[in-house]
Amino acid sequence: MEKGPILERLTAMREFVRQLRRYQAASFEEFLSDPTLRAAVERFFQLAIEAVLDISAMLCRALGLRRPGEGRESIIALGRAGVLPMDFAERFAPVASFRNILVHEYLRIDPKIVYEKLQTGLGDFEEFARHVARALRGKEK
């Protein structure tokens, strides 16, 4: 398995999440009233999710898993393969739909949902990173 590209994206994802953490101190009112802040949060979420989806697809290919059709399916496939705990994979997979809203349905973005994800959803990215790192270490043996 070629780990370099996966590790590169894992590092990038962690940096995007680190940037998102910087914005958690903003109140919802500040978030609503500052379009630059909202745009930064949305973009860092999009980038973090893109990294997750890239990593998931790469791992699916490397493990010889059935080619998933869309991003959420690749996360579920990693759950079925034991790379991610299945309950976590099922809980985290909808992040792909959030990415689709950020990219394709940007006129429908609900600031309340983005703010809520900013306040409560970043740990899922960190958990994903821990499981992937563990899986990569296991492949060294």
C-alpha atoms as a PDB file:
ATOM      1  CA  MET A   1       0.000   0.000   0.000  1.00  0.00           C
ATOM      2  CA  GLU A   2       1.314   3.435  -0.952  1.00  0.00           C
ATOM      3  CA  LYS A   3       0.995   5.296   2.348  1.00  0.00           C
ATOM      4  CA  GLY A   4       2.495   8.651   1.302  1.00  0.00           C
ATOM      5  CA  PRO A   5      -0.594  10.118  -0.378  1.00  0.00           C
ATOM      6  CA  ILE A   6      -2.831   8.901   2.452  1.00  0.00           C
ATOM      7  CA  LEU A   7      -0.548  10.385   5.107  1.00  0.00           C
ATOM      8  CA  GLU A   8      -0.346  13.652   3.165  1.00  0.00           C
ATOM      9  CA  ARG A   9      -4.132  13.957   3.155  1.00  0.00           C
ATOM     10  CA  LEU A  10      -4.357  12.880   6.780  1.00  0.00           C
ATOM     11  CA  THR A  11      -1.949  15.678   7.729  1.00  0.00           C
ATOM     12  CA  ALA A  12      -3.921  18.181   5.657  1.00  0.00           C
ATOM     13  CA  MET A  13      -7.215  17.066   7.205  1.00  0.00           C
ATOM     14  CA  ARG A  14      -5.786  17.511  10.693  1.00  0.00           C
ATOM     15  CA  GLU A  15      -4.647  21.029   9.766  1.00  0.00           C
ATOM     16  CA  PHE A  16      -8.096  21.937   8.406  1.00  0.00           C
ATOM     17  CA  VAL A  17      -9.664  20.712  11.647  1.00  0.00           C
ATOM     18  CA  ARG A  18      -7.088  22.695  13.635  1.00  0.00           C
ATOM     19  CA  GLN A  19      -8.145  25.799  11.714  1.00  0.00           C
ATOM     20  CA  LEU A  20     -11.811  25.035  12.401  1.00  0.00           C
ATOM     21  CA  ARG A  21     -11.067  24.731  16.121  1.00  0.00           C
ATOM     22  CA  ARG A  22      -9.825  28.349  16.042  1.00  0.00           C
ATOM     23  CA  TYR A  23     -13.339  29.473  15.103  1.00  0.00           C
ATOM     24  CA  GLN A  24     -15.200  27.561  17.822  1.00  0.00           C
ATOM     25  CA  ALA A  25     -14.940  30.474  20.244  1.00  0.00           C
ATOM     26  CA  ALA A  26     -17.185  32.635  18.051  1.00  0.00           C
ATOM     27  CA  SER A  27     -20.742  32.984  19.270  1.00  0.00           C
ATOM     28  CA  PHE A  28     -23.568  32.060  16.930  1.00  0.00           C
ATOM     29  CA  GLU A  29     -24.396  35.760  16.584  1.00  0.00           C
ATOM     30  CA  GLU A  30     -20.804  36.511  15.552  1.00  0.00           C
ATOM     31  CA  PHE A  31     -20.909  33.598  13.134  1.00  0.00           C
ATOM     32  CA  LEU A  32     -24.147  34.870  11.563  1.00  0.00           C
ATOM     33  CA  SER A  33     -22.991  38.461  11.283  1.00  0.00           C
ATOM     34  CA  ASP A  34     -19.546  37.771   9.770  1.00  0.00           C
ATOM     35  CA  PRO A  35     -19.744  36.426   6.206  1.00  0.00           C
ATOM     36  CA  THR A  36     -15.953  35.997   6.056  1.00  0.00           C
ATOM     37  CA  LEU A  37     -16.012  33.830   9.174  1.00  0.00           C
ATOM     38  CA  ARG A  38     -18.871  31.726   7.777  1.00  0.00           C
ATOM     39  CA  ALA A  39     -17.066  31.326   4.454  1.00  0.00           C
ATOM     40  CA  ALA A  40     -13.832  30.267   6.170  1.00  0.00           C
ATOM     41  CA  VAL A  41     -15.634  27.676   8.293  1.00  0.00           C
ATOM     42  CA  GLU A  42     -17.539  26.310   5.303  1.00  0.00           C
ATOM     43  CA  ARG A  43     -14.372  26.076   3.223  1.00  0.00           C
ATOM     44  CA  PHE A  44     -12.316  24.371   5.942  1.00  0.00           C
ATOM     45  CA  PHE A  45     -15.147  21.885   6.437  1.00  0.00           C
ATOM     46  CA  GLN A  46     -15.246  21.215   2.707  1.00  0.00           C
ATOM     47  CA  LEU A  47     -11.484  20.653   2.579  1.00  0.00           C
ATOM     48  CA  ALA A  48     -11.490  18.396   5.648  1.00  0.00           C
ATOM     49  CA  ILE A  49     -14.299  16.312   4.167  1.00  0.00           C
ATOM     50  CA  GLU A  50     -12.587  16.122   0.774  1.00  0.00           C
ATOM     51  CA  ALA A  51      -9.519  14.729   2.546  1.00  0.00           C
ATOM     52  CA  VAL A  52     -11.680  12.160   4.380  1.00  0.00           C
ATOM     53  CA  LEU A  53     -13.296  11.049   1.136  1.00  0.00           C
ATOM     54  CA  ASP A  54      -9.945  10.839  -0.676  1.00  0.00           C
ATOM     55  CA  ILE A  55      -8.417   8.817   2.163  1.00  0.00           C
ATOM     56  CA  SER A  56     -11.437   6.524   2.270  1.00  0.00           C
ATOM     57  CA  ALA A  57     -11.332   5.880  -1.472  1.00  0.00           C
ATOM     58  CA  MET A  58      -7.565   5.255  -1.384  1.00  0.00           C
ATOM     59  CA  LEU A  59      -7.891   2.802   1.488  1.00  0.00           C
ATOM     60  CA  CYS A  60     -10.753   0.995  -0.238  1.00  0.00           C
ATOM     61  CA  ARG A  61      -8.588   0.568  -3.350  1.00  0.00           C
ATOM     62  CA  ALA A  62      -5.536  -0.506  -1.343  1.00  0.00           C
ATOM     63  CA  LEU A  63      -7.562  -3.077   0.578  1.00  0.00           C
ATOM     64  CA  GLY A  64      -9.207  -4.410  -2.566  1.00  0.00           C
ATOM     65  CA  LEU A  65     -12.671  -3.496  -1.358  1.00  0.00           C
ATOM     66  CA  ARG A  66     -15.552  -3.261  -3.779  1.00  0.00           C
ATOM     67  CA  ARG A  67     -15.377   0.073  -5.549  1.00  0.00           C
ATOM     68  CA  PRO A  68     -17.763   2.351  -3.658  1.00  0.00           C
ATOM     69  CA  GLY A  69     -20.086   4.535  -5.716  1.00  0.00           C
ATOM     70  CA  GLU A  70     -19.955   7.647  -3.581  1.00  0.00           C
ATOM     71  CA  GLY A  71     -18.111   9.071  -0.607  1.00  0.00           C
ATOM     72  CA  ARG A  72     -20.432   7.865   2.110  1.00  0.00           C
ATOM     73  CA  GLU A  73     -20.196   4.332   0.721  1.00  0.00           C
ATOM     74  CA  SER A  74     -16.415   4.324   1.020  1.00  0.00           C
ATOM     75  CA  ILE A  75     -16.662   5.249   4.706  1.00  0.00           C
ATOM     76  CA  ILE A  76     -19.203   2.453   5.266  1.00  0.00           C
ATOM     77  CA  ALA A  77     -16.940   0.027   3.361  1.00  0.00           C
ATOM     78  CA  LEU A  78     -14.093   0.878   5.752  1.00  0.00           C
ATOM     79  CA  GLY A  79     -16.439   0.062   8.611  1.00  0.00           C
ATOM     80  CA  ARG A  80     -17.317  -3.290   7.106  1.00  0.00           C
ATOM     81  CA  ALA A  81     -13.610  -4.009   6.604  1.00  0.00           C
ATOM     82  CA  GLY A  82     -12.810  -3.218  10.222  1.00  0.00           C
ATOM     83  CA  VAL A  83     -10.695  -0.145   9.489  1.00  0.00           C
ATOM     84  CA  LEU A  84     -13.331   1.951  11.250  1.00  0.00           C
ATOM     85  CA  PRO A  85     -15.705   0.710  13.940  1.00  0.00           C
ATOM     86  CA  MET A  86     -19.015   0.107  12.161  1.00  0.00           C
ATOM     87  CA  ASP A  87     -21.034   2.307  14.516  1.00  0.00           C
ATOM     88  CA  PHE A  88     -18.595   5.169  13.932  1.00  0.00           C
ATOM     89  CA  ALA A  89     -18.623   4.634  10.151  1.00  0.00           C
ATOM     90  CA  GLU A  90     -22.424   4.795  10.096  1.00  0.00           C
ATOM     91  CA  ARG A  91     -22.440   7.941  12.239  1.00  0.00           C
ATOM     92  CA  PHE A  92     -19.678   9.666  10.239  1.00  0.00           C
ATOM     93  CA  ALA A  93     -20.702   8.686   6.682  1.00  0.00           C
ATOM     94  CA  PRO A  94     -23.305  11.484   6.342  1.00  0.00           C
ATOM     95  CA  VAL A  95     -20.384  13.918   6.309  1.00  0.00           C
ATOM     96  CA  ALA A  96     -20.301  13.209   2.554  1.00  0.00           C
ATOM     97  CA  SER A  97     -23.794  14.659   2.201  1.00  0.00           C
ATOM     98  CA  PHE A  98     -22.719  17.742   4.147  1.00  0.00           C
ATOM     99  CA  ARG A  99     -19.867  18.178   1.661  1.00  0.00           C
ATOM    100  CA  ASN A 100     -22.334  17.953  -1.235  1.00  0.00           C
ATOM    101  CA  ILE A 101     -24.427  20.725   0.286  1.00  0.00           C
ATOM    102  CA  LEU A 102     -21.349  22.907   0.787  1.00  0.00           C
ATOM    103  CA  VAL A 103     -20.236  22.390  -2.809  1.00  0.00           C
ATOM    104  CA  HIS A 104     -23.376  21.956  -4.883  1.00  0.00           C
ATOM    105  CA  GLU A 105     -26.263  23.317  -2.862  1.00  0.00           C
ATOM    106  CA  TYR A 106     -24.499  26.363  -1.452  1.00  0.00           C
ATOM    107  CA  LEU A 107     -27.684  28.436  -1.685  1.00  0.00           C
ATOM    108  CA  ARG A 108     -29.302  26.076   0.847  1.00  0.00           C
ATOM    109  CA  ILE A 109     -26.553  26.109   3.482  1.00  0.00           C
ATOM    110  CA  ASP A 110     -28.139  26.455   6.900  1.00  0.00           C
ATOM    111  CA  PRO A 111     -25.825  28.490   9.158  1.00  0.00           C
ATOM    112  CA  LYS A 112     -27.316  26.807  12.245  1.00  0.00           C
ATOM    113  CA  ILE A 113     -26.231  23.392  10.979  1.00  0.00           C
ATOM    114  CA  VAL A 114     -22.745  24.615  10.060  1.00  0.00           C
ATOM    115  CA  TYR A 115     -22.324  26.246  13.463  1.00  0.00           C
ATOM    116  CA  GLU A 116     -23.593  23.130  15.236  1.00  0.00           C
ATOM    117  CA  LYS A 117     -21.123  20.963  13.313  1.00  0.00           C
ATOM    118  CA  LEU A 118     -18.370  23.422  14.191  1.00  0.00           C
ATOM    119  CA  GLN A 119     -19.223  23.114  17.875  1.00  0.00           C
ATOM    120  CA  THR A 120     -19.855  19.366  18.064  1.00  0.00           C
ATOM    121  CA  GLY A 121     -18.556  17.587  14.945  1.00  0.00           C
ATOM    122  CA  LEU A 122     -14.806  18.091  14.878  1.00  0.00           C
ATOM    123  CA  GLY A 123     -14.072  15.141  17.138  1.00  0.00           C
ATOM    124  CA  ASP A 124     -15.338  12.802  14.426  1.00  0.00           C
ATOM    125  CA  PHE A 125     -12.564  13.945  12.096  1.00  0.00           C
ATOM    126  CA  GLU A 126     -10.013  13.331  14.822  1.00  0.00           C
ATOM    127  CA  GLU A 127     -11.475   9.890  15.516  1.00  0.00           C
ATOM    128  CA  PHE A 128     -11.334   9.078  11.796  1.00  0.00           C
ATOM    129  CA  ALA A 129      -7.659  10.124  11.759  1.00  0.00           C
ATOM    130  CA  ARG A 130      -6.856   7.878  14.740  1.00  0.00           C
ATOM    131  CA  HIS A 131      -8.455   4.832  13.121  1.00  0.00           C
ATOM    132  CA  VAL A 132      -6.731   5.440   9.796  1.00  0.00           C
ATOM    133  CA  ALA A 133      -3.352   5.957  11.466  1.00  0.00           C
ATOM    134  CA  ARG A 134      -3.845   2.710  13.414  1.00  0.00           C
ATOM    135  CA  ALA A 135      -4.749   0.851  10.220  1.00  0.00           C
ATOM    136  CA  LEU A 136      -1.665   2.208   8.456  1.00  0.00           C
ATOM    137  CA  ARG A 137       0.576   1.158  11.354  1.00  0.00           C
ATOM    138  CA  GLY A 138      -0.967  -2.304  11.186  1.00  0.00           C
ATOM    139  CA  LYS A 139      -0.024  -2.539   7.508  1.00  0.00           C
ATOM    140  CA  GLU A 140       3.654  -1.978   8.395  1.00  0.00           C
ATOM    141  CA  LYS A 141       3.875  -5.414   9.975  1.00  0.00           C
END
